[in-house]
Amino acid sequence: MKIVIIIFSLFIGSIPAWALSEKSANELLDHFFSIYQPIIKSTTGASLEIRRDWSINESNAEADRHGSEYSIILSGGLLKKGDLSLPGLAAVACHELGHIIGGAPQHNQYRYAWFGYEGQADYFASLKCLKILFANPYFSSLPKRQNREIKNLCSETYTDKKEIEICERAALAGQDMIHYFQDIEKQDEPLVQFDTPLKIIAGGTYSIYPSYQCRLDTFLAGALCSVPVGNALSDKNPLQGTCSQNSFPKGARPACWFIESEWLK
């Protein structure tokens, strides 16, 4: 009996502190809502709904908008498949919110004229959303991985200790999200890393998902961009409220999906 108890204790102890459960996911999303509902209400007059379809087994997340009603829809596979961390779930929610309020570039079809490009949703997530979240006591108390490379990069951009911490957390939350989706798709390639940025230049600005490495590079760029989070983004001009290749290349959207010259007047 003693041996069984020891083995059971070791098994329980092996569960990461940041692992998702329905309870912890709901708590995080409640805090997300409490932060962003007032922001959305005051800036757009719209309402925000976070729908939790935990009974659905697919690992899906969606954004929707009907007039002044904004919705983020999350399915149960996010809890049941793989090892999505709590910071990773925050990045998922921020990405979906980025489709709605993350600014240009956006699709131009009538029904989805409000819907931001996939790369822009990633950029918004670390440029604005995750920085706002990790300035909050609940989110700043979430377990944090250590990454010396990211700490050094953030320390080169920011001087304030809290801003460095937020920069690190935003980049690492994005990596948690990217690694989760890369892992559940069972790709043969190694998990993408910050020290292997993509050198490919896109033939034009992508509206669809870029590669996982390109997406990780985008999360890092948003985290490193020191434009104040309060600076408004634009639904028409994708250069407003962001870093550019001229102003701060490390914080600009990478050319693996965003061709800045297309948007210069």
C-alpha atoms as a PDB file:
ATOM      1  CA  MET A   1       0.000   0.000   0.000  1.00  0.00           C
ATOM      2  CA  LYS A   2       2.817   2.406   0.818  1.00  0.00           C
ATOM      3  CA  ILE A   3       4.423   1.806  -2.561  1.00  0.00           C
ATOM      4  CA  VAL A   4       1.134   2.428  -4.339  1.00  0.00           C
ATOM      5  CA  ILE A   5       0.619   5.693  -2.464  1.00  0.00           C
ATOM      6  CA  ILE A   6       4.135   6.870  -3.328  1.00  0.00           C
ATOM      7  CA  ILE A   7       3.662   6.054  -7.002  1.00  0.00           C
ATOM      8  CA  PHE A   8       0.289   7.831  -7.026  1.00  0.00           C
ATOM      9  CA  SER A   9       1.833  10.884  -5.383  1.00  0.00           C
ATOM     10  CA  LEU A  10       4.603  10.993  -7.966  1.00  0.00           C
ATOM     11  CA  PHE A  11       2.054  10.794 -10.754  1.00  0.00           C
ATOM     12  CA  ILE A  12      -0.024  13.617  -9.315  1.00  0.00           C
ATOM     13  CA  GLY A  13       3.108  15.671  -8.725  1.00  0.00           C
ATOM     14  CA  SER A  14       4.057  15.338 -12.378  1.00  0.00           C
ATOM     15  CA  ILE A  15       1.031  17.365 -13.513  1.00  0.00           C
ATOM     16  CA  PRO A  16       2.344  20.850 -14.457  1.00  0.00           C
ATOM     17  CA  ALA A  17       1.208  23.719 -12.270  1.00  0.00           C
ATOM     18  CA  TRP A  18       0.015  25.511 -15.397  1.00  0.00           C
ATOM     19  CA  ALA A  19      -2.023  22.574 -16.778  1.00  0.00           C
ATOM     20  CA  LEU A  20      -5.612  23.347 -17.761  1.00  0.00           C
ATOM     21  CA  SER A  21      -8.712  22.108 -16.065  1.00  0.00           C
ATOM     22  CA  GLU A  22     -12.244  23.291 -16.690  1.00  0.00           C
ATOM     23  CA  LYS A  23     -12.146  25.149 -13.386  1.00  0.00           C
ATOM     24  CA  SER A  24      -8.836  26.913 -14.028  1.00  0.00           C
ATOM     25  CA  ALA A  25      -9.828  27.710 -17.626  1.00  0.00           C
ATOM     26  CA  ASN A  26     -13.117  29.241 -16.498  1.00  0.00           C
ATOM     27  CA  GLU A  27     -11.330  31.288 -13.849  1.00  0.00           C
ATOM     28  CA  LEU A  28      -8.864  32.645 -16.411  1.00  0.00           C
ATOM     29  CA  LEU A  29     -11.608  33.456 -18.908  1.00  0.00           C
ATOM     30  CA  ASP A  30     -13.659  35.182 -16.204  1.00  0.00           C
ATOM     31  CA  HIS A  31     -10.673  37.418 -15.464  1.00  0.00           C
ATOM     32  CA  PHE A  32     -10.146  37.992 -19.192  1.00  0.00           C
ATOM     33  CA  PHE A  33     -13.782  39.073 -19.504  1.00  0.00           C
ATOM     34  CA  SER A  34     -13.602  41.360 -16.475  1.00  0.00           C
ATOM     35  CA  ILE A  35     -10.638  43.189 -18.030  1.00  0.00           C
ATOM     36  CA  TYR A  36     -11.756  43.405 -21.645  1.00  0.00           C
ATOM     37  CA  GLN A  37     -15.524  43.879 -21.423  1.00  0.00           C
ATOM     38  CA  PRO A  38     -15.147  47.417 -19.987  1.00  0.00           C
ATOM     39  CA  ILE A  39     -12.450  48.253 -22.562  1.00  0.00           C
ATOM     40  CA  ILE A  40     -14.626  47.096 -25.455  1.00  0.00           C
ATOM     41  CA  LYS A  41     -17.714  48.802 -24.039  1.00  0.00           C
ATOM     42  CA  SER A  42     -15.946  52.144 -23.599  1.00  0.00           C
ATOM     43  CA  THR A  43     -14.144  52.123 -26.958  1.00  0.00           C
ATOM     44  CA  THR A  44     -16.751  50.563 -29.263  1.00  0.00           C
ATOM     45  CA  GLY A  45     -20.023  50.426 -27.318  1.00  0.00           C
ATOM     46  CA  ALA A  46     -20.149  46.686 -27.999  1.00  0.00           C
ATOM     47  CA  SER A  47     -20.627  43.760 -25.633  1.00  0.00           C
ATOM     48  CA  LEU A  48     -18.316  40.761 -25.283  1.00  0.00           C
ATOM     49  CA  GLU A  49     -19.325  37.133 -24.842  1.00  0.00           C
ATOM     50  CA  ILE A  50     -16.913  34.284 -24.130  1.00  0.00           C
ATOM     51  CA  ARG A  51     -18.681  31.060 -25.043  1.00  0.00           C
ATOM     52  CA  ARG A  52     -17.184  27.904 -23.532  1.00  0.00           C
ATOM     53  CA  ASP A  53     -18.265  24.820 -25.455  1.00  0.00           C
ATOM     54  CA  TRP A  54     -16.379  22.425 -23.200  1.00  0.00           C
ATOM     55  CA  SER A  55     -18.445  19.401 -24.320  1.00  0.00           C
ATOM     56  CA  ILE A  56     -17.032  19.632 -27.854  1.00  0.00           C
ATOM     57  CA  ASN A  57     -13.879  17.557 -28.331  1.00  0.00           C
ATOM     58  CA  GLU A  58     -12.226  19.573 -31.119  1.00  0.00           C
ATOM     59  CA  SER A  59      -9.413  21.967 -30.213  1.00  0.00           C
ATOM     60  CA  ASN A  60     -11.027  24.979 -31.822  1.00  0.00           C
ATOM     61  CA  ALA A  61     -11.262  28.671 -31.092  1.00  0.00           C
ATOM     62  CA  GLU A  62     -13.306  31.150 -33.100  1.00  0.00           C
ATOM     63  CA  ALA A  63     -14.253  34.797 -33.205  1.00  0.00           C
ATOM     64  CA  ASP A  64     -17.611  36.163 -34.305  1.00  0.00           C
ATOM     65  CA  ARG A  65     -19.274  39.523 -34.520  1.00  0.00           C
ATOM     66  CA  HIS A  66     -22.908  40.449 -35.058  1.00  0.00           C
ATOM     67  CA  GLY A  67     -23.335  44.191 -34.973  1.00  0.00           C
ATOM     68  CA  SER A  68     -22.389  45.313 -31.474  1.00  0.00           C
ATOM     69  CA  GLU A  69     -22.129  41.783 -30.097  1.00  0.00           C
ATOM     70  CA  TYR A  70     -18.605  40.317 -30.085  1.00  0.00           C
ATOM     71  CA  SER A  71     -18.027  36.634 -29.319  1.00  0.00           C
ATOM     72  CA  ILE A  72     -15.052  34.395 -28.586  1.00  0.00           C
ATOM     73  CA  ILE A  73     -15.938  30.697 -28.820  1.00  0.00           C
ATOM     74  CA  LEU A  74     -13.669  28.069 -27.266  1.00  0.00           C
ATOM     75  CA  SER A  75     -14.165  24.299 -27.503  1.00  0.00           C
ATOM     76  CA  GLY A  76     -13.399  21.496 -25.069  1.00  0.00           C
ATOM     77  CA  GLY A  77     -10.521  19.981 -26.994  1.00  0.00           C
ATOM     78  CA  LEU A  78      -8.385  22.822 -25.643  1.00  0.00           C
ATOM     79  CA  LEU A  79      -8.798  21.187 -22.219  1.00  0.00           C
ATOM     80  CA  LYS A  80      -8.708  17.541 -23.277  1.00  0.00           C
ATOM     81  CA  LYS A  81      -6.025  17.308 -25.951  1.00  0.00           C
ATOM     82  CA  GLY A  82      -2.356  18.068 -25.416  1.00  0.00           C
ATOM     83  CA  ASP A  83      -0.955  20.314 -22.706  1.00  0.00           C
ATOM     84  CA  LEU A  84      -2.146  23.866 -23.254  1.00  0.00           C
ATOM     85  CA  SER A  85      -0.938  26.091 -20.421  1.00  0.00           C
ATOM     86  CA  LEU A  86      -2.959  28.819 -18.759  1.00  0.00           C
ATOM     87  CA  PRO A  87      -0.788  31.536 -20.395  1.00  0.00           C
ATOM     88  CA  GLY A  88      -1.278  29.675 -23.680  1.00  0.00           C
ATOM     89  CA  LEU A  89      -5.055  29.827 -23.221  1.00  0.00           C
ATOM     90  CA  ALA A  90      -4.747  33.568 -22.595  1.00  0.00           C
ATOM     91  CA  ALA A  91      -2.883  33.836 -25.910  1.00  0.00           C
ATOM     92  CA  VAL A  92      -5.654  31.881 -27.665  1.00  0.00           C
ATOM     93  CA  ALA A  93      -8.296  34.262 -26.291  1.00  0.00           C
ATOM     94  CA  CYS A  94      -6.197  37.289 -27.242  1.00  0.00           C
ATOM     95  CA  HIS A  95      -5.686  35.945 -30.770  1.00  0.00           C
ATOM     96  CA  GLU A  96      -9.432  35.519 -31.250  1.00  0.00           C
ATOM     97  CA  LEU A  97     -10.122  38.979 -29.853  1.00  0.00           C
ATOM     98  CA  GLY A  98      -7.528  40.274 -32.314  1.00  0.00           C
ATOM     99  CA  HIS A  99      -9.701  39.147 -35.200  1.00  0.00           C
ATOM    100  CA  ILE A 100     -12.395  41.522 -33.907  1.00  0.00           C
ATOM    101  CA  ILE A 101     -10.588  44.589 -32.548  1.00  0.00           C
ATOM    102  CA  GLY A 102      -6.971  44.005 -33.634  1.00  0.00           C
ATOM    103  CA  GLY A 103      -7.035  46.446 -36.531  1.00  0.00           C
ATOM    104  CA  ALA A 104      -5.794  46.209 -40.103  1.00  0.00           C
ATOM    105  CA  PRO A 105      -5.032  44.345 -42.246  1.00  0.00           C
ATOM    106  CA  GLN A 106      -8.543  42.933 -42.396  1.00  0.00           C
ATOM    107  CA  HIS A 107     -10.589  40.944 -44.881  1.00  0.00           C
ATOM    108  CA  ASN A 108     -12.637  42.986 -47.318  1.00  0.00           C
ATOM    109  CA  GLN A 109     -15.545  40.615 -47.914  1.00  0.00           C
ATOM    110  CA  TYR A 110     -18.840  42.181 -46.814  1.00  0.00           C
ATOM    111  CA  ARG A 111     -19.779  39.577 -44.184  1.00  0.00           C
ATOM    112  CA  TYR A 112     -16.290  39.505 -42.675  1.00  0.00           C
ATOM    113  CA  ALA A 113     -15.047  43.005 -43.414  1.00  0.00           C
ATOM    114  CA  TRP A 114     -14.261  43.344 -39.699  1.00  0.00           C
ATOM    115  CA  PHE A 115     -12.197  40.128 -39.502  1.00  0.00           C
ATOM    116  CA  GLY A 116      -8.454  40.692 -39.020  1.00  0.00           C
ATOM    117  CA  TYR A 117      -5.858  38.593 -40.819  1.00  0.00           C
ATOM    118  CA  GLU A 118      -4.430  35.630 -38.926  1.00  0.00           C
ATOM    119  CA  GLY A 119      -0.988  37.200 -38.592  1.00  0.00           C
ATOM    120  CA  GLN A 120      -2.523  40.444 -37.372  1.00  0.00           C
ATOM    121  CA  ALA A 121      -4.475  38.551 -34.702  1.00  0.00           C
ATOM    122  CA  ASP A 122      -1.178  37.081 -33.442  1.00  0.00           C
ATOM    123  CA  TYR A 123       0.498  40.500 -33.507  1.00  0.00           C
ATOM    124  CA  PHE A 124      -2.370  42.147 -31.619  1.00  0.00           C
ATOM    125  CA  ALA A 125      -2.244  39.364 -29.041  1.00  0.00           C
ATOM    126  CA  SER A 126       1.304  40.207 -27.921  1.00  0.00           C
ATOM    127  CA  LEU A 127       1.382  43.893 -28.935  1.00  0.00           C
ATOM    128  CA  LYS A 128      -1.692  44.882 -26.917  1.00  0.00           C
ATOM    129  CA  CYS A 129      -3.830  42.159 -25.369  1.00  0.00           C
ATOM    130  CA  LEU A 130      -1.335  40.021 -23.453  1.00  0.00           C
ATOM    131  CA  LYS A 131       0.489  43.113 -22.195  1.00  0.00           C
ATOM    132  CA  ILE A 132      -2.777  44.431 -20.743  1.00  0.00           C
ATOM    133  CA  LEU A 133      -3.525  41.043 -19.190  1.00  0.00           C
ATOM    134  CA  PHE A 134      -0.108  40.505 -17.622  1.00  0.00           C
ATOM    135  CA  ALA A 135      -0.252  43.932 -16.001  1.00  0.00           C
ATOM    136  CA  ASN A 136      -3.163  42.523 -13.983  1.00  0.00           C
ATOM    137  CA  PRO A 137      -2.409  40.789 -10.640  1.00  0.00           C
ATOM    138  CA  TYR A 138      -4.231  37.564 -11.535  1.00  0.00           C
ATOM    139  CA  PHE A 139      -2.400  37.066 -14.830  1.00  0.00           C
ATOM    140  CA  SER A 140       0.965  38.166 -13.439  1.00  0.00           C
ATOM    141  CA  SER A 141       0.601  35.464 -10.762  1.00  0.00           C
ATOM    142  CA  LEU A 142       0.352  32.652 -13.333  1.00  0.00           C
ATOM    143  CA  PRO A 143       3.346  30.279 -13.466  1.00  0.00           C
ATOM    144  CA  LYS A 144       6.091  31.535 -15.751  1.00  0.00           C
ATOM    145  CA  ARG A 145       8.700  29.618 -17.711  1.00  0.00           C
ATOM    146  CA  GLN A 146      12.251  30.911 -17.719  1.00  0.00           C
ATOM    147  CA  ASN A 147      13.905  31.764 -21.026  1.00  0.00           C
ATOM    148  CA  ARG A 148      17.195  33.645 -20.845  1.00  0.00           C
ATOM    149  CA  GLU A 149      17.146  34.555 -24.536  1.00  0.00           C
ATOM    150  CA  ILE A 150      13.744  36.223 -24.264  1.00  0.00           C
ATOM    151  CA  LYS A 151      14.700  37.950 -21.028  1.00  0.00           C
ATOM    152  CA  ASN A 152      17.770  39.421 -22.744  1.00  0.00           C
ATOM    153  CA  LEU A 153      15.779  40.561 -25.780  1.00  0.00           C
ATOM    154  CA  CYS A 154      13.123  42.200 -23.598  1.00  0.00           C
ATOM    155  CA  SER A 155      15.811  43.828 -21.443  1.00  0.00           C
ATOM    156  CA  GLU A 156      17.339  45.368 -24.576  1.00  0.00           C
ATOM    157  CA  THR A 157      14.001  46.996 -25.423  1.00  0.00           C
ATOM    158  CA  TYR A 158      12.600  47.946 -22.021  1.00  0.00           C
ATOM    159  CA  THR A 159      14.284  49.383 -18.934  1.00  0.00           C
ATOM    160  CA  ASP A 160      11.428  49.144 -16.446  1.00  0.00           C
ATOM    161  CA  LYS A 161      11.465  45.815 -14.580  1.00  0.00           C
ATOM    162  CA  LYS A 162       7.699  45.333 -14.851  1.00  0.00           C
ATOM    163  CA  GLU A 163       7.711  46.059 -18.593  1.00  0.00           C
ATOM    164  CA  ILE A 164      10.511  43.523 -19.083  1.00  0.00           C
ATOM    165  CA  GLU A 165       8.485  40.936 -17.183  1.00  0.00           C
ATOM    166  CA  ILE A 166       5.356  41.648 -19.250  1.00  0.00           C
ATOM    167  CA  CYS A 167       7.335  41.432 -22.488  1.00  0.00           C
ATOM    168  CA  GLU A 168       8.728  38.041 -21.470  1.00  0.00           C
ATOM    169  CA  ARG A 169       5.341  36.697 -20.456  1.00  0.00           C
ATOM    170  CA  ALA A 170       3.661  37.874 -23.674  1.00  0.00           C
ATOM    171  CA  ALA A 171       6.288  36.195 -25.876  1.00  0.00           C
ATOM    172  CA  LEU A 172       6.282  32.950 -23.873  1.00  0.00           C
ATOM    173  CA  ALA A 173       2.474  32.767 -23.772  1.00  0.00           C
ATOM    174  CA  GLY A 174       2.508  32.998 -27.547  1.00  0.00           C
ATOM    175  CA  GLN A 175       5.063  30.199 -27.736  1.00  0.00           C
ATOM    176  CA  ASP A 176       2.912  28.044 -25.438  1.00  0.00           C
ATOM    177  CA  MET A 177      -0.033  28.512 -27.794  1.00  0.00           C
ATOM    178  CA  ILE A 178       1.997  27.836 -30.942  1.00  0.00           C
ATOM    179  CA  HIS A 179       3.622  24.733 -29.442  1.00  0.00           C
ATOM    180  CA  TYR A 180       0.223  23.407 -28.375  1.00  0.00           C
ATOM    181  CA  PHE A 181      -1.302  23.582 -31.845  1.00  0.00           C
ATOM    182  CA  GLN A 182       1.884  22.389 -33.511  1.00  0.00           C
ATOM    183  CA  ASP A 183       2.015  19.393 -31.169  1.00  0.00           C
ATOM    184  CA  ILE A 184      -1.615  18.283 -31.552  1.00  0.00           C
ATOM    185  CA  GLU A 185      -1.258  18.393 -35.317  1.00  0.00           C
ATOM    186  CA  LYS A 186       1.560  15.836 -34.857  1.00  0.00           C
ATOM    187  CA  GLN A 187       3.880  17.560 -37.273  1.00  0.00           C
ATOM    188  CA  ASP A 188       7.172  15.791 -37.914  1.00  0.00           C
ATOM    189  CA  GLU A 189       9.226  18.963 -37.643  1.00  0.00           C
ATOM    190  CA  PRO A 190      10.677  20.084 -34.273  1.00  0.00           C
ATOM    191  CA  LEU A 191       8.748  22.607 -32.204  1.00  0.00           C
ATOM    192  CA  VAL A 192       9.534  26.120 -33.362  1.00  0.00           C
ATOM    193  CA  GLN A 193      11.907  28.244 -31.293  1.00  0.00           C
ATOM    194  CA  PHE A 194      12.741  31.921 -30.898  1.00  0.00           C
ATOM    195  CA  ASP A 195      16.341  31.493 -32.101  1.00  0.00           C
ATOM    196  CA  THR A 196      15.345  30.182 -35.556  1.00  0.00           C
ATOM    197  CA  PRO A 197      13.444  33.108 -37.118  1.00  0.00           C
ATOM    198  CA  LEU A 198      12.098  32.615 -40.608  1.00  0.00           C
ATOM    199  CA  LYS A 199      14.113  34.384 -43.314  1.00  0.00           C
ATOM    200  CA  ILE A 200      11.569  33.903 -46.100  1.00  0.00           C
ATOM    201  CA  ILE A 201       9.919  37.043 -47.488  1.00  0.00           C
ATOM    202  CA  ALA A 202       6.302  36.559 -48.511  1.00  0.00           C
ATOM    203  CA  GLY A 203       5.223  37.408 -52.034  1.00  0.00           C
ATOM    204  CA  GLY A 204       2.435  39.525 -50.553  1.00  0.00           C
ATOM    205  CA  THR A 205       0.674  40.058 -47.240  1.00  0.00           C
ATOM    206  CA  TYR A 206      -0.919  36.786 -46.100  1.00  0.00           C
ATOM    207  CA  SER A 207      -4.514  36.749 -44.910  1.00  0.00           C
ATOM    208  CA  ILE A 208      -4.365  33.068 -43.917  1.00  0.00           C
ATOM    209  CA  TYR A 209      -2.219  31.303 -41.317  1.00  0.00           C
ATOM    210  CA  PRO A 210       1.498  31.663 -41.957  1.00  0.00           C
ATOM    211  CA  SER A 211       3.877  28.919 -40.813  1.00  0.00           C
ATOM    212  CA  TYR A 212       4.260  28.170 -37.118  1.00  0.00           C
ATOM    213  CA  GLN A 213       7.736  29.697 -37.094  1.00  0.00           C
ATOM    214  CA  CYS A 214       6.410  32.841 -38.747  1.00  0.00           C
ATOM    215  CA  ARG A 215       3.634  33.021 -36.162  1.00  0.00           C
ATOM    216  CA  LEU A 216       6.118  32.680 -33.301  1.00  0.00           C
ATOM    217  CA  ASP A 217       8.266  35.420 -34.845  1.00  0.00           C
ATOM    218  CA  THR A 218       5.133  37.594 -34.943  1.00  0.00           C
ATOM    219  CA  PHE A 219       4.366  37.010 -31.256  1.00  0.00           C
ATOM    220  CA  LEU A 220       7.940  37.954 -30.368  1.00  0.00           C
ATOM    221  CA  ALA A 221       7.785  41.116 -32.483  1.00  0.00           C
ATOM    222  CA  GLY A 222       4.580  42.249 -30.783  1.00  0.00           C
ATOM    223  CA  ALA A 223       6.088  41.654 -27.357  1.00  0.00           C
ATOM    224  CA  LEU A 224       9.200  43.652 -28.266  1.00  0.00           C
ATOM    225  CA  CYS A 225       7.310  46.560 -29.822  1.00  0.00           C
ATOM    226  CA  SER A 226       7.410  49.337 -27.230  1.00  0.00           C
ATOM    227  CA  VAL A 227       4.605  51.459 -28.687  1.00  0.00           C
ATOM    228  CA  PRO A 228       2.322  52.150 -25.680  1.00  0.00           C
ATOM    229  CA  VAL A 229      -0.592  49.737 -25.432  1.00  0.00           C
ATOM    230  CA  GLY A 230      -2.934  52.721 -25.243  1.00  0.00           C
ATOM    231  CA  ASN A 231      -2.032  53.870 -28.749  1.00  0.00           C
ATOM    232  CA  ALA A 232      -5.041  53.004 -30.872  1.00  0.00           C
ATOM    233  CA  LEU A 233      -4.910  50.649 -33.829  1.00  0.00           C
ATOM    234  CA  SER A 234      -6.728  51.424 -37.064  1.00  0.00           C
ATOM    235  CA  ASP A 235      -9.130  49.340 -39.146  1.00  0.00           C
ATOM    236  CA  LYS A 236      -7.772  51.063 -42.267  1.00  0.00           C
ATOM    237  CA  ASN A 237      -4.095  51.816 -41.664  1.00  0.00           C
ATOM    238  CA  PRO A 238      -2.102  48.803 -40.379  1.00  0.00           C
ATOM    239  CA  LEU A 239       0.873  51.016 -39.498  1.00  0.00           C
ATOM    240  CA  GLN A 240      -1.025  53.088 -36.909  1.00  0.00           C
ATOM    241  CA  GLY A 241      -0.265  52.163 -33.296  1.00  0.00           C
ATOM    242  CA  THR A 242       2.397  49.623 -34.264  1.00  0.00           C
ATOM    243  CA  CYS A 243       6.133  49.355 -34.863  1.00  0.00           C
ATOM    244  CA  SER A 244       7.422  49.642 -38.415  1.00  0.00           C
ATOM    245  CA  GLN A 245      10.571  48.472 -40.168  1.00  0.00           C
ATOM    246  CA  ASN A 246      11.716  52.094 -40.135  1.00  0.00           C
ATOM    247  CA  SER A 247      10.898  52.900 -36.516  1.00  0.00           C
ATOM    248  CA  PHE A 248      11.845  49.660 -34.748  1.00  0.00           C
ATOM    249  CA  PRO A 249      12.456  46.573 -36.934  1.00  0.00           C
ATOM    250  CA  LYS A 250      12.581  44.101 -34.012  1.00  0.00           C
ATOM    251  CA  GLY A 251       9.033  45.045 -33.083  1.00  0.00           C
ATOM    252  CA  ALA A 252       7.654  45.193 -36.622  1.00  0.00           C
ATOM    253  CA  ARG A 253       5.506  42.449 -38.130  1.00  0.00           C
ATOM    254  CA  PRO A 254       7.835  40.013 -39.883  1.00  0.00           C
ATOM    255  CA  ALA A 255       8.052  39.911 -43.665  1.00  0.00           C
ATOM    256  CA  CYS A 256       7.238  36.190 -43.660  1.00  0.00           C
ATOM    257  CA  TRP A 257       3.591  37.305 -43.768  1.00  0.00           C
ATOM    258  CA  PHE A 258       3.379  41.125 -43.707  1.00  0.00           C
ATOM    259  CA  ILE A 259       4.757  43.224 -46.562  1.00  0.00           C
ATOM    260  CA  GLU A 260       4.912  46.696 -45.106  1.00  0.00           C
ATOM    261  CA  SER A 261       5.603  48.440 -48.410  1.00  0.00           C
ATOM    262  CA  GLU A 262       2.117  47.458 -49.632  1.00  0.00           C
ATOM    263  CA  TRP A 263       0.590  49.733 -47.007  1.00  0.00           C
ATOM    264  CA  LEU A 264       2.799  52.799 -47.332  1.00  0.00           C
ATOM    265  CA  LYS A 265       1.044  55.792 -48.842  1.00  0.00           C
END
